[in-house]
Amino acid sequence: ASSLEDVPSVDLMAELLRRMKCQPKPDKRLILVGPPGSGKGTQSPIIKDEYCLCHLATGDMLRAAVAAKTPLGLKAKEAMDKGELVSDDLVVGIIDDALKKPSCQKGFILDGFPRTVAQAEKLDEMLEKRGVKIDKVLNFAIDDAILEERITGRWIHPTSGRTYHTKFAPPKVPGIDDVTGEALIQRRDDTAEVLKSRLEAFHKQTEPVINYYSEKGIIANLQAEKPPQEVTVEVKKAIS
């Protein structure tokens, strides 16, 4: 276990309690795959708490590494400043670094990575060096038409952040915020055209990655159009 010397005493108690609770949990290394709006963001905190895993969102990790000016962060910043994409090796390196943290002792949830087969192979190589592997890839499978209804029905009151849905949580008056009577807007990402192109890109990019993990026999296809509680049950079944 990693050293506790550098943990402040208030956090120390919490960290010791966490370790006691987490001790009996099995190690799990998971990847979440799914289009925007498929519910990954709803399920990942639940999985994280249940199995004592750390949540690795590569975008956030990159930004954090750049802000902390870690050696890899500086390299990443150099690439970004030139308008280049951050190399796969760098991203995998940043994941590798993150795995040293105590919160990652029992394993992790990777979200938004790998997006290509090349990235999946690099990730596997890195994990192999650590003597571990991916246990399960949770594929949040959902029909594009259902996603379209879910996402394009979302309306927001910009000043308060209150959200509505034309079908699932409509405002009392269409297009109007219940509290202030001000107009609701749609986020640019939530319009049908933008969603269509995002979904096309997602399928094109992700199909090969899903096939890559299918061949290894570690894909679990979830019915992501079900209500969140039912998806949670499916997730737990798939993991255990």
Protein backbone atom coordinates (compact mmCIF):
# COMPACT_ATOMS: atom_id res chain seq x y z
CA ALA A 1 0.00 0.00 0.00
CA SER A 2 1.19 3.51 -0.68
CA SER A 3 2.66 5.60 2.13
CA LEU A 4 0.34 7.60 4.37
CA GLU A 5 2.93 10.11 5.59
CA ASP A 6 1.91 12.78 3.13
CA VAL A 7 -1.83 12.49 3.89
CA PRO A 8 -3.13 15.32 6.17
CA SER A 9 -4.53 13.95 9.45
CA VAL A 10 -8.16 14.88 8.74
CA ASP A 11 -7.98 13.00 5.47
CA LEU A 12 -6.03 10.24 7.16
CA MET A 13 -9.07 8.99 9.08
CA ALA A 14 -11.20 9.09 5.95
CA GLU A 15 -8.48 7.32 3.98
CA LEU A 16 -8.09 4.59 6.62
CA LEU A 17 -11.87 4.06 6.72
CA ARG A 18 -11.94 3.92 2.93
CA ARG A 19 -9.17 1.30 2.93
CA MET A 20 -10.99 -0.83 5.52
CA LYS A 21 -14.22 -0.69 3.53
CA CYS A 22 -12.39 -1.35 0.28
CA GLN A 23 -10.06 -4.10 1.49
CA PRO A 24 -12.42 -7.01 0.73
CA LYS A 25 -13.45 -5.67 -2.68
CA PRO A 26 -12.09 -7.49 -5.74
CA ASP A 27 -9.76 -5.57 -8.07
CA LYS A 28 -11.56 -4.34 -11.19
CA ARG A 29 -10.32 -2.52 -14.26
CA LEU A 30 -13.17 -1.29 -16.40
CA ILE A 31 -13.68 0.68 -19.58
CA LEU A 32 -16.97 2.45 -20.29
CA VAL A 33 -17.94 2.84 -23.94
CA GLY A 34 -21.06 4.56 -25.19
CA PRO A 35 -22.35 7.46 -27.24
CA PRO A 36 -23.14 10.87 -25.70
CA GLY A 37 -26.30 10.63 -23.60
CA SER A 38 -26.10 6.86 -23.06
CA GLY A 39 -25.87 7.22 -19.28
CA LYS A 40 -22.17 6.55 -18.63
CA GLY A 41 -21.99 9.71 -16.52
CA THR A 42 -24.87 8.49 -14.35
CA GLN A 43 -23.42 5.03 -13.76
CA SER A 44 -19.73 5.74 -13.28
CA PRO A 45 -19.98 7.40 -9.81
CA ILE A 46 -22.16 4.48 -8.63
CA ILE A 47 -19.65 1.89 -9.89
CA LYS A 48 -16.75 3.90 -8.51
CA ASP A 49 -18.18 3.97 -4.97
CA GLU A 50 -19.43 0.40 -5.01
CA TYR A 51 -16.09 -1.10 -6.10
CA CYS A 52 -13.67 1.51 -4.68
CA LEU A 53 -12.26 2.36 -8.09
CA CYS A 54 -10.77 5.59 -9.31
CA HIS A 55 -12.43 7.38 -12.21
CA LEU A 56 -10.02 8.25 -15.00
CA ALA A 57 -11.45 10.82 -17.41
CA THR A 58 -8.56 11.36 -19.80
CA GLY A 59 -9.59 14.91 -20.78
CA ASP A 60 -9.64 16.05 -17.14
CA MET A 61 -6.40 14.21 -16.41
CA LEU A 62 -4.64 15.90 -19.30
CA ARG A 63 -5.79 19.32 -18.13
CA ALA A 64 -4.69 18.50 -14.57
CA ALA A 65 -1.25 17.30 -15.72
CA VAL A 66 -0.79 20.47 -17.76
CA ALA A 67 -1.85 22.62 -14.79
CA ALA A 68 0.44 20.71 -12.39
CA LYS A 69 3.32 21.04 -14.90
CA THR A 70 4.25 17.37 -14.55
CA PRO A 71 6.88 16.18 -17.08
CA LEU A 72 4.13 14.60 -19.19
CA GLY A 73 1.91 17.66 -18.68
CA LEU A 74 4.63 19.91 -20.10
CA LYS A 75 4.97 17.64 -23.14
CA ALA A 76 1.20 17.65 -23.61
CA LYS A 77 1.09 21.44 -23.35
CA GLU A 78 3.78 21.71 -26.03
CA ALA A 79 1.65 19.62 -28.40
CA MET A 80 -1.53 21.56 -27.60
CA ASP A 81 0.19 24.92 -28.05
CA LYS A 82 1.21 23.81 -31.55
CA GLY A 83 -2.39 22.78 -32.19
CA GLU A 84 -1.37 19.13 -32.43
CA LEU A 85 -3.18 16.19 -30.91
CA VAL A 86 -1.62 14.80 -27.75
CA SER A 87 0.05 11.50 -28.69
CA ASP A 88 -1.40 8.17 -27.57
CA ASP A 89 1.84 7.40 -25.70
CA LEU A 90 1.46 10.58 -23.69
CA VAL A 91 -2.14 9.86 -22.74
CA VAL A 92 -1.26 6.29 -21.75
CA GLY A 93 1.68 7.69 -19.76
CA ILE A 94 -0.66 10.02 -17.89
CA ILE A 95 -2.97 7.08 -17.12
CA ASP A 96 0.07 5.08 -15.96
CA ASP A 97 1.03 7.94 -13.61
CA ALA A 98 -2.49 8.16 -12.22
CA LEU A 99 -2.52 4.45 -11.35
CA LYS A 100 0.10 5.10 -8.65
CA LYS A 101 -2.46 7.00 -6.56
CA PRO A 102 -3.92 5.25 -3.47
CA SER A 103 -7.45 5.74 -4.79
CA CYS A 104 -6.54 3.57 -7.79
CA GLN A 105 -5.27 0.61 -5.72
CA LYS A 106 -8.38 -1.47 -6.36
CA GLY A 107 -8.58 -0.58 -10.01
CA PHE A 108 -10.19 2.03 -12.23
CA ILE A 109 -12.95 3.11 -14.57
CA LEU A 110 -11.70 4.53 -17.86
CA ASP A 111 -14.11 6.77 -19.67
CA GLY A 112 -13.59 8.32 -23.12
CA PHE A 113 -10.49 6.23 -23.79
CA PRO A 114 -9.43 4.22 -25.74
CA ARG A 115 -11.14 5.67 -28.81
CA THR A 116 -9.05 3.77 -31.37
CA VAL A 117 -7.62 0.25 -31.64
CA ALA A 118 -4.09 1.70 -31.53
CA GLN A 119 -4.91 3.32 -28.17
CA ALA A 120 -6.42 0.06 -26.89
CA GLU A 121 -3.23 -1.81 -27.81
CA LYS A 122 -1.00 0.78 -26.11
CA LEU A 123 -3.19 0.65 -23.00
CA ASP A 124 -2.93 -3.16 -22.92
CA GLU A 125 0.87 -3.00 -23.25
CA MET A 126 1.13 -0.54 -20.37
CA LEU A 127 -1.16 -2.61 -18.12
CA GLU A 128 0.74 -5.78 -19.02
CA LYS A 129 3.94 -4.17 -17.73
CA ARG A 130 2.10 -3.64 -14.44
CA GLY A 131 0.97 -7.25 -14.46
CA VAL A 132 -2.73 -6.44 -14.80
CA LYS A 133 -5.35 -6.31 -17.54
CA ILE A 134 -8.77 -4.89 -18.40
CA ASP A 135 -11.47 -7.03 -16.77
CA LYS A 136 -14.57 -5.74 -18.51
CA VAL A 137 -15.59 -3.29 -21.18
CA LEU A 138 -19.11 -2.02 -20.49
CA ASN A 139 -20.76 -1.12 -23.74
CA PHE A 140 -23.69 1.25 -23.17
CA ALA A 141 -25.60 0.10 -26.23
CA ILE A 142 -28.55 2.27 -27.17
CA ASP A 143 -30.53 2.89 -30.32
CA ASP A 144 -29.66 6.16 -32.06
CA ALA A 145 -33.35 7.08 -32.31
CA ILE A 146 -33.80 6.78 -28.53
CA LEU A 147 -30.70 8.88 -27.95
CA GLU A 148 -32.01 11.50 -30.33
CA GLU A 149 -35.25 11.73 -28.36
CA ARG A 150 -33.33 11.86 -25.07
CA ILE A 151 -30.92 14.56 -26.13
CA THR A 152 -32.84 16.76 -28.54
CA GLY A 153 -35.65 17.02 -25.97
CA ARG A 154 -33.37 18.80 -23.48
CA TRP A 155 -34.01 22.48 -22.80
CA ILE A 156 -32.15 24.69 -20.36
CA HIS A 157 -32.86 27.88 -18.45
CA PRO A 158 -29.47 29.57 -18.98
CA THR A 159 -29.29 31.77 -15.87
CA SER A 160 -30.23 29.10 -13.27
CA GLY A 161 -29.09 25.96 -15.12
CA ARG A 162 -32.51 24.34 -14.59
CA THR A 163 -33.07 21.62 -17.18
CA TYR A 164 -36.28 20.37 -18.74
CA HIS A 165 -37.17 17.69 -21.21
CA THR A 166 -40.06 18.04 -23.65
CA LYS A 167 -41.14 14.45 -22.98
CA PHE A 168 -39.74 13.39 -19.60
CA ALA A 169 -39.79 16.62 -17.58
CA PRO A 170 -41.64 19.32 -19.53
CA PRO A 171 -41.98 22.91 -18.31
CA LYS A 172 -45.54 23.99 -17.40
CA VAL A 173 -45.57 26.26 -20.46
CA PRO A 174 -43.63 24.98 -23.49
CA GLY A 175 -40.33 26.84 -23.96
CA ILE A 176 -40.70 28.82 -20.71
CA ASP A 177 -38.92 28.42 -17.34
CA ASP A 178 -41.39 27.47 -14.55
CA VAL A 179 -39.84 29.82 -11.97
CA THR A 180 -38.90 33.00 -13.83
CA GLY A 181 -41.08 32.83 -16.94
CA GLU A 182 -37.95 33.42 -19.05
CA ALA A 183 -37.28 31.63 -22.33
CA LEU A 184 -35.53 28.25 -22.39
CA ILE A 185 -32.70 27.51 -24.81
CA GLN A 186 -31.18 24.40 -26.34
CA ARG A 187 -27.44 23.76 -26.11
CA ARG A 188 -25.80 23.65 -29.51
CA ASP A 189 -24.64 20.08 -28.81
CA ASP A 190 -28.21 19.03 -28.11
CA THR A 191 -29.61 19.85 -31.54
CA ALA A 192 -30.47 17.02 -33.95
CA GLU A 193 -27.87 17.98 -36.60
CA VAL A 194 -24.95 18.17 -34.17
CA LEU A 195 -26.02 14.95 -32.47
CA LYS A 196 -26.25 13.16 -35.81
CA SER A 197 -22.67 14.00 -36.73
CA ARG A 198 -21.43 13.14 -33.22
CA LEU A 199 -23.14 9.75 -33.37
CA GLU A 200 -21.77 8.99 -36.84
CA ALA A 201 -18.26 9.83 -35.66
CA PHE A 202 -18.77 7.75 -32.53
CA HIS A 203 -19.92 4.64 -34.41
CA LYS A 204 -17.18 4.89 -36.99
CA GLN A 205 -14.49 5.34 -34.35
CA THR A 206 -15.77 2.96 -31.72
CA GLU A 207 -16.96 -0.07 -33.68
CA PRO A 208 -13.37 -1.30 -34.20
CA VAL A 209 -12.56 -0.80 -30.50
CA ILE A 210 -15.64 -2.79 -29.49
CA ASN A 211 -14.61 -5.56 -31.91
CA TYR A 212 -11.09 -5.53 -30.47
CA TYR A 213 -12.41 -6.22 -26.96
CA SER A 214 -15.10 -8.64 -28.21
CA GLU A 215 -12.34 -10.85 -29.55
CA LYS A 216 -10.86 -10.91 -26.06
CA GLY A 217 -14.26 -11.92 -24.70
CA ILE A 218 -14.53 -9.08 -22.18
CA ILE A 219 -17.37 -6.98 -23.63
CA ALA A 220 -20.60 -6.68 -21.66
CA ASN A 221 -23.41 -5.18 -23.72
CA LEU A 222 -25.77 -3.19 -21.52
CA GLN A 223 -29.28 -2.15 -22.54
CA ALA A 224 -28.67 1.51 -21.88
CA GLU A 225 -32.16 2.64 -22.84
CA LYS A 226 -33.55 1.09 -19.63
CA PRO A 227 -34.20 3.29 -16.57
CA PRO A 228 -30.96 4.12 -14.67
CA GLN A 229 -31.71 1.82 -11.69
CA GLU A 230 -32.12 -1.16 -14.03
CA VAL A 231 -28.92 -0.28 -15.86
CA THR A 232 -27.12 -0.21 -12.49
CA VAL A 233 -28.34 -3.77 -11.82
CA GLU A 234 -27.06 -4.87 -15.25
CA VAL A 235 -23.72 -3.16 -14.62
CA LYS A 236 -23.23 -4.95 -11.29
CA LYS A 237 -24.10 -8.30 -12.89
CA ALA A 238 -21.62 -7.67 -15.68
CA ILE A 239 -18.83 -6.72 -13.29
CA SER A 240 -19.21 -9.48 -10.72
